[in-house]
Amino acid sequence: MKSISVCKSDELIEGGKGVRFPVTAGSDDAVGFVIRYDGAVHGYLNRCAHVPVELDWNPGEFLESSGLYIMCATHGAIYQPDTGYCTGGPCRGGRLRKINVSEEGGQIYWHPDDYIQAVIA
């Protein structure tokens, strides 16, 4: 499956800002994002499990102040950064839609699947 470059590895700092990238989710234009947590890169569809709104407070700001959780800016739902599982808020027990990502050669890539596809220009 095709790999699509997101950013250089050193652009993602542990517990820092995420990097957004365009995707197609089903038939809708959407946004994916990557963050670095516990030394690993994690990718998700930028869509709250409660109501389909983007999560970030400001572009790329997905983690709450401690850097330990992804937090929805609209509803305050709290997600585990490594699994996308919602541990608090209106969608407790739900989860974010994972996007397959990899890191190699100083670069971070995402990998389309049956639902999350590249944006066709």
N, C-alpha and C. Protein backbone atom coordinates (compact mmCIF):
# COMPACT_ATOMS: atom_id res chain seq x y z
N MET A 1 0.84 -1.18 0.00
CA MET A 1 0.00 0.00 0.00
C MET A 1 0.88 1.24 0.00
N LYS A 2 0.45 2.27 -0.65
CA LYS A 2 1.21 3.50 -0.79
C LYS A 2 1.40 4.21 0.55
N SER A 3 2.62 4.72 0.75
CA SER A 3 2.93 5.53 1.94
C SER A 3 2.96 7.00 1.52
N ILE A 4 2.40 7.86 2.35
CA ILE A 4 2.34 9.29 2.05
C ILE A 4 3.06 10.06 3.15
N SER A 5 4.00 10.88 2.75
CA SER A 5 4.81 11.63 3.71
C SER A 5 3.97 12.66 4.45
N VAL A 6 4.19 12.74 5.77
CA VAL A 6 3.50 13.74 6.60
C VAL A 6 4.46 14.86 6.97
N CYS A 7 5.61 14.49 7.55
CA CYS A 7 6.57 15.49 8.01
C CYS A 7 7.89 14.80 8.35
N LYS A 8 8.89 15.60 8.66
CA LYS A 8 10.16 15.06 9.15
C LYS A 8 9.98 14.64 10.60
N SER A 9 10.68 13.60 11.00
CA SER A 9 10.57 13.06 12.36
C SER A 9 10.81 14.11 13.43
N ASP A 10 11.78 14.99 13.21
CA ASP A 10 12.12 15.97 14.25
C ASP A 10 11.10 17.09 14.39
N GLU A 11 10.08 17.12 13.52
CA GLU A 11 9.00 18.10 13.65
C GLU A 11 7.99 17.68 14.72
N LEU A 12 8.00 16.41 15.10
CA LEU A 12 7.07 15.90 16.12
C LEU A 12 7.81 15.74 17.43
N ILE A 13 7.49 16.58 18.38
CA ILE A 13 8.15 16.56 19.68
C ILE A 13 7.25 15.87 20.69
N GLU A 14 7.84 15.02 21.51
CA GLU A 14 7.10 14.30 22.56
C GLU A 14 6.21 15.25 23.34
N GLY A 15 4.91 14.97 23.38
CA GLY A 15 3.96 15.79 24.13
C GLY A 15 3.71 17.17 23.55
N GLY A 16 4.23 17.43 22.34
CA GLY A 16 4.07 18.74 21.71
C GLY A 16 2.95 18.77 20.69
N LYS A 17 3.01 19.76 19.82
CA LYS A 17 1.99 19.92 18.79
C LYS A 17 2.01 18.75 17.83
N GLY A 18 0.83 18.45 17.30
CA GLY A 18 0.71 17.44 16.27
C GLY A 18 0.83 18.08 14.90
N VAL A 19 0.88 17.25 13.89
CA VAL A 19 0.93 17.72 12.51
C VAL A 19 -0.32 17.21 11.80
N ARG A 20 -1.05 18.14 11.19
CA ARG A 20 -2.27 17.84 10.47
C ARG A 20 -1.96 17.52 9.01
N PHE A 21 -2.82 16.70 8.37
CA PHE A 21 -2.66 16.42 6.94
C PHE A 21 -4.03 16.08 6.35
N PRO A 22 -4.25 16.42 5.08
CA PRO A 22 -5.56 16.19 4.45
C PRO A 22 -5.77 14.72 4.10
N VAL A 23 -7.00 14.24 4.30
CA VAL A 23 -7.39 12.88 3.94
C VAL A 23 -8.82 12.92 3.39
N THR A 24 -9.23 11.80 2.84
CA THR A 24 -10.63 11.58 2.50
C THR A 24 -11.10 10.45 3.40
N ALA A 25 -12.14 10.70 4.19
CA ALA A 25 -12.70 9.70 5.10
C ALA A 25 -14.05 9.28 4.52
N GLY A 26 -14.10 8.08 3.99
CA GLY A 26 -15.30 7.68 3.25
C GLY A 26 -15.34 8.51 1.98
N SER A 27 -16.34 9.36 1.86
CA SER A 27 -16.41 10.25 0.69
C SER A 27 -16.24 11.72 1.11
N ASP A 28 -15.89 11.95 2.37
CA ASP A 28 -15.78 13.32 2.89
C ASP A 28 -14.34 13.80 3.00
N ASP A 29 -14.11 15.07 2.67
CA ASP A 29 -12.81 15.69 2.93
C ASP A 29 -12.66 15.79 4.44
N ALA A 30 -11.50 15.45 4.94
CA ALA A 30 -11.27 15.45 6.38
C ALA A 30 -9.80 15.75 6.65
N VAL A 31 -9.43 15.66 7.91
CA VAL A 31 -8.06 15.92 8.33
C VAL A 31 -7.60 14.78 9.22
N GLY A 32 -6.39 14.32 8.99
CA GLY A 32 -5.74 13.38 9.89
C GLY A 32 -4.69 14.13 10.68
N PHE A 33 -4.15 13.48 11.71
CA PHE A 33 -3.06 14.11 12.45
C PHE A 33 -2.16 13.04 13.05
N VAL A 34 -0.93 13.45 13.29
CA VAL A 34 0.03 12.60 13.98
C VAL A 34 0.55 13.35 15.20
N ILE A 35 0.82 12.58 16.27
CA ILE A 35 1.44 13.10 17.48
C ILE A 35 2.53 12.12 17.90
N ARG A 36 3.43 12.60 18.73
CA ARG A 36 4.43 11.70 19.33
C ARG A 36 4.09 11.57 20.80
N TYR A 37 3.95 10.33 21.25
CA TYR A 37 3.62 10.04 22.64
C TYR A 37 4.37 8.80 23.07
N ASP A 38 5.02 8.88 24.20
CA ASP A 38 5.78 7.75 24.76
C ASP A 38 6.79 7.23 23.73
N GLY A 39 7.39 8.17 22.98
CA GLY A 39 8.44 7.84 22.02
C GLY A 39 7.96 7.32 20.69
N ALA A 40 6.67 7.09 20.53
CA ALA A 40 6.14 6.53 19.28
C ALA A 40 5.23 7.53 18.59
N VAL A 41 5.06 7.35 17.28
CA VAL A 41 4.17 8.19 16.50
C VAL A 41 2.81 7.50 16.40
N HIS A 42 1.75 8.29 16.61
CA HIS A 42 0.37 7.79 16.54
C HIS A 42 -0.41 8.69 15.60
N GLY A 43 -1.27 8.09 14.76
CA GLY A 43 -2.07 8.85 13.81
C GLY A 43 -3.55 8.57 13.99
N TYR A 44 -4.35 9.64 13.84
CA TYR A 44 -5.80 9.52 13.98
C TYR A 44 -6.52 10.43 13.00
N LEU A 45 -7.77 10.10 12.74
CA LEU A 45 -8.67 11.00 12.03
C LEU A 45 -9.04 12.11 13.01
N ASN A 46 -8.97 13.35 12.57
CA ASN A 46 -9.25 14.49 13.44
C ASN A 46 -10.77 14.68 13.55
N ARG A 47 -11.39 13.75 14.29
CA ARG A 47 -12.85 13.75 14.43
C ARG A 47 -13.19 13.14 15.78
N CYS A 48 -13.87 13.91 16.63
CA CYS A 48 -14.29 13.43 17.94
C CYS A 48 -15.24 12.24 17.78
N ALA A 49 -15.13 11.28 18.70
CA ALA A 49 -16.00 10.10 18.66
C ALA A 49 -17.43 10.44 19.07
N HIS A 50 -17.63 11.59 19.73
CA HIS A 50 -18.95 11.99 20.22
C HIS A 50 -19.77 12.65 19.11
N VAL A 51 -19.25 13.73 18.55
CA VAL A 51 -19.87 14.46 17.45
C VAL A 51 -18.74 14.72 16.45
N PRO A 52 -18.96 14.57 15.17
CA PRO A 52 -17.87 14.69 14.20
C PRO A 52 -17.33 16.13 14.02
N VAL A 53 -16.66 16.63 15.05
CA VAL A 53 -15.98 17.92 14.98
C VAL A 53 -14.49 17.68 15.16
N GLU A 54 -13.67 18.61 14.66
CA GLU A 54 -12.23 18.48 14.82
C GLU A 54 -11.87 18.67 16.29
N LEU A 55 -10.81 18.00 16.71
CA LEU A 55 -10.41 17.96 18.11
C LEU A 55 -9.56 19.13 18.56
N ASP A 56 -8.66 19.61 17.70
CA ASP A 56 -7.62 20.54 18.16
C ASP A 56 -8.16 21.92 18.56
N TRP A 57 -7.52 22.46 19.62
CA TRP A 57 -7.86 23.79 20.16
C TRP A 57 -7.48 24.86 19.14
N ASN A 58 -6.26 24.79 18.70
CA ASN A 58 -5.70 25.59 17.62
C ASN A 58 -5.03 24.56 16.71
N PRO A 59 -4.78 24.89 15.45
CA PRO A 59 -4.21 23.88 14.55
C PRO A 59 -2.99 23.17 15.16
N GLY A 60 -3.09 21.86 15.28
CA GLY A 60 -2.00 21.05 15.80
C GLY A 60 -1.97 20.87 17.31
N GLU A 61 -2.83 21.57 18.04
CA GLU A 61 -2.84 21.47 19.49
C GLU A 61 -3.91 20.47 19.94
N PHE A 62 -3.48 19.22 20.04
CA PHE A 62 -4.38 18.11 20.36
C PHE A 62 -4.29 17.68 21.81
N LEU A 63 -3.11 17.84 22.41
CA LEU A 63 -2.88 17.36 23.77
C LEU A 63 -3.26 18.43 24.78
N GLU A 64 -3.81 17.99 25.92
CA GLU A 64 -4.11 18.94 26.98
C GLU A 64 -2.80 19.33 27.66
N SER A 65 -2.85 20.24 28.62
CA SER A 65 -1.65 20.89 29.15
C SER A 65 -0.60 19.95 29.73
N SER A 66 -0.99 18.81 30.27
CA SER A 66 -0.01 17.88 30.81
C SER A 66 0.70 17.08 29.72
N GLY A 67 0.13 17.07 28.50
CA GLY A 67 0.69 16.30 27.41
C GLY A 67 0.40 14.82 27.49
N LEU A 68 -0.49 14.43 28.41
CA LEU A 68 -0.77 13.01 28.63
C LEU A 68 -2.02 12.51 27.91
N TYR A 69 -2.89 13.42 27.46
CA TYR A 69 -4.15 13.02 26.83
C TYR A 69 -4.46 13.90 25.64
N ILE A 70 -5.12 13.31 24.64
CA ILE A 70 -5.73 14.08 23.56
C ILE A 70 -7.06 14.56 24.12
N MET A 71 -7.35 15.85 23.92
CA MET A 71 -8.61 16.38 24.44
C MET A 71 -9.39 17.10 23.35
N CYS A 72 -10.67 16.81 23.25
CA CYS A 72 -11.55 17.49 22.30
C CYS A 72 -11.80 18.91 22.80
N ALA A 73 -11.49 19.88 21.96
CA ALA A 73 -11.67 21.29 22.34
C ALA A 73 -13.14 21.65 22.50
N THR A 74 -14.04 20.93 21.84
CA THR A 74 -15.46 21.26 21.89
C THR A 74 -16.16 20.64 23.10
N HIS A 75 -15.90 19.36 23.37
CA HIS A 75 -16.66 18.65 24.41
C HIS A 75 -15.84 18.26 25.63
N GLY A 76 -14.52 18.40 25.56
CA GLY A 76 -13.67 18.01 26.69
C GLY A 76 -13.46 16.51 26.81
N ALA A 77 -13.85 15.74 25.79
CA ALA A 77 -13.60 14.30 25.83
C ALA A 77 -12.09 14.06 25.89
N ILE A 78 -11.69 13.05 26.68
CA ILE A 78 -10.27 12.76 26.88
C ILE A 78 -9.96 11.39 26.28
N TYR A 79 -8.92 11.35 25.45
CA TYR A 79 -8.52 10.12 24.75
C TYR A 79 -7.09 9.74 25.11
N GLN A 80 -6.84 8.43 25.19
CA GLN A 80 -5.48 7.92 25.38
C GLN A 80 -4.71 8.15 24.07
N PRO A 81 -3.56 8.81 24.11
CA PRO A 81 -2.82 9.10 22.87
C PRO A 81 -2.31 7.86 22.14
N ASP A 82 -2.08 6.77 22.85
CA ASP A 82 -1.51 5.59 22.20
C ASP A 82 -2.56 4.64 21.63
N THR A 83 -3.81 4.73 22.09
CA THR A 83 -4.86 3.83 21.61
C THR A 83 -6.05 4.55 20.99
N GLY A 84 -6.23 5.84 21.32
CA GLY A 84 -7.39 6.59 20.86
C GLY A 84 -8.64 6.29 21.66
N TYR A 85 -8.52 5.48 22.71
CA TYR A 85 -9.66 5.10 23.54
C TYR A 85 -10.10 6.28 24.41
N CYS A 86 -11.41 6.55 24.44
CA CYS A 86 -11.96 7.65 25.23
C CYS A 86 -12.15 7.20 26.67
N THR A 87 -11.44 7.87 27.59
CA THR A 87 -11.52 7.50 29.00
C THR A 87 -12.36 8.48 29.82
N GLY A 88 -12.82 9.57 29.22
CA GLY A 88 -13.65 10.51 29.96
C GLY A 88 -14.37 11.46 29.04
N GLY A 89 -15.56 11.88 29.46
CA GLY A 89 -16.34 12.81 28.64
C GLY A 89 -17.53 12.12 28.02
N PRO A 90 -18.21 12.82 27.11
CA PRO A 90 -19.48 12.34 26.57
C PRO A 90 -19.38 11.09 25.69
N CYS A 91 -18.20 10.72 25.25
CA CYS A 91 -18.08 9.53 24.40
C CYS A 91 -17.28 8.44 25.08
N ARG A 92 -17.26 8.42 26.41
CA ARG A 92 -16.51 7.42 27.18
C ARG A 92 -16.78 6.03 26.61
N GLY A 93 -15.70 5.29 26.37
CA GLY A 93 -15.82 3.96 25.80
C GLY A 93 -15.70 3.94 24.29
N GLY A 94 -15.83 5.12 23.65
CA GLY A 94 -15.64 5.20 22.20
C GLY A 94 -14.15 5.29 21.89
N ARG A 95 -13.83 5.48 20.64
CA ARG A 95 -12.42 5.66 20.31
C ARG A 95 -12.27 6.45 19.03
N LEU A 96 -11.12 7.08 18.91
CA LEU A 96 -10.77 7.80 17.69
C LEU A 96 -10.46 6.80 16.59
N ARG A 97 -10.66 7.21 15.34
CA ARG A 97 -10.35 6.35 14.19
C ARG A 97 -8.86 6.41 13.92
N LYS A 98 -8.18 5.29 14.11
CA LYS A 98 -6.73 5.20 13.95
C LYS A 98 -6.36 5.31 12.47
N ILE A 99 -5.25 5.98 12.21
CA ILE A 99 -4.65 6.01 10.88
C ILE A 99 -3.30 5.34 11.00
N ASN A 100 -3.03 4.39 10.13
CA ASN A 100 -1.76 3.68 10.17
C ASN A 100 -0.62 4.62 9.79
N VAL A 101 0.39 4.66 10.63
CA VAL A 101 1.55 5.53 10.40
C VAL A 101 2.83 4.73 10.61
N SER A 102 3.92 5.24 10.06
CA SER A 102 5.23 4.64 10.26
C SER A 102 6.27 5.75 10.28
N GLU A 103 7.44 5.40 10.80
CA GLU A 103 8.54 6.35 10.87
C GLU A 103 9.80 5.62 10.42
N GLU A 104 10.42 6.16 9.39
CA GLU A 104 11.67 5.56 8.94
C GLU A 104 12.49 6.60 8.17
N GLY A 105 13.79 6.50 8.34
CA GLY A 105 14.70 7.40 7.63
C GLY A 105 14.48 8.86 7.96
N GLY A 106 14.08 9.15 9.21
CA GLY A 106 13.88 10.54 9.61
C GLY A 106 12.61 11.17 9.06
N GLN A 107 11.68 10.34 8.62
CA GLN A 107 10.44 10.82 8.02
C GLN A 107 9.25 10.06 8.61
N ILE A 108 8.10 10.74 8.72
CA ILE A 108 6.86 10.12 9.18
C ILE A 108 5.92 10.00 7.98
N TYR A 109 5.30 8.83 7.86
CA TYR A 109 4.39 8.53 6.75
C TYR A 109 3.05 8.05 7.29
N TRP A 110 2.01 8.26 6.50
CA TRP A 110 0.73 7.63 6.80
C TRP A 110 0.37 6.70 5.65
N HIS A 111 -0.49 5.71 5.95
CA HIS A 111 -0.81 4.65 5.00
C HIS A 111 -2.33 4.55 4.84
N PRO A 112 -2.84 4.83 3.64
CA PRO A 112 -4.28 4.72 3.40
C PRO A 112 -4.80 3.31 3.68
N ASP A 113 -6.09 3.23 4.03
CA ASP A 113 -6.75 1.94 4.20
C ASP A 113 -8.08 1.97 3.45
N ASP A 114 -8.98 1.06 3.76
CA ASP A 114 -10.25 1.00 3.04
C ASP A 114 -11.13 2.23 3.26
N TYR A 115 -10.95 2.93 4.38
CA TYR A 115 -11.80 4.07 4.72
C TYR A 115 -11.06 5.41 4.59
N ILE A 116 -9.84 5.45 5.06
CA ILE A 116 -9.03 6.68 5.02
C ILE A 116 -8.16 6.64 3.77
N GLN A 117 -8.43 7.55 2.85
CA GLN A 117 -7.72 7.57 1.57
C GLN A 117 -7.04 8.93 1.36
N ALA A 118 -6.13 8.95 0.41
CA ALA A 118 -5.47 10.21 0.03
C ALA A 118 -6.48 11.12 -0.66
N VAL A 119 -6.29 12.41 -0.51
CA VAL A 119 -7.13 13.38 -1.19
C VAL A 119 -6.74 13.37 -2.66
N ILE A 120 -7.72 13.26 -3.54
CA ILE A 120 -7.45 13.26 -4.97
C ILE A 120 -7.61 14.69 -5.48
N ALA A 121 -6.53 15.19 -6.04
CA ALA A 121 -6.52 16.60 -6.50
C ALA A 121 -7.25 16.75 -7.81
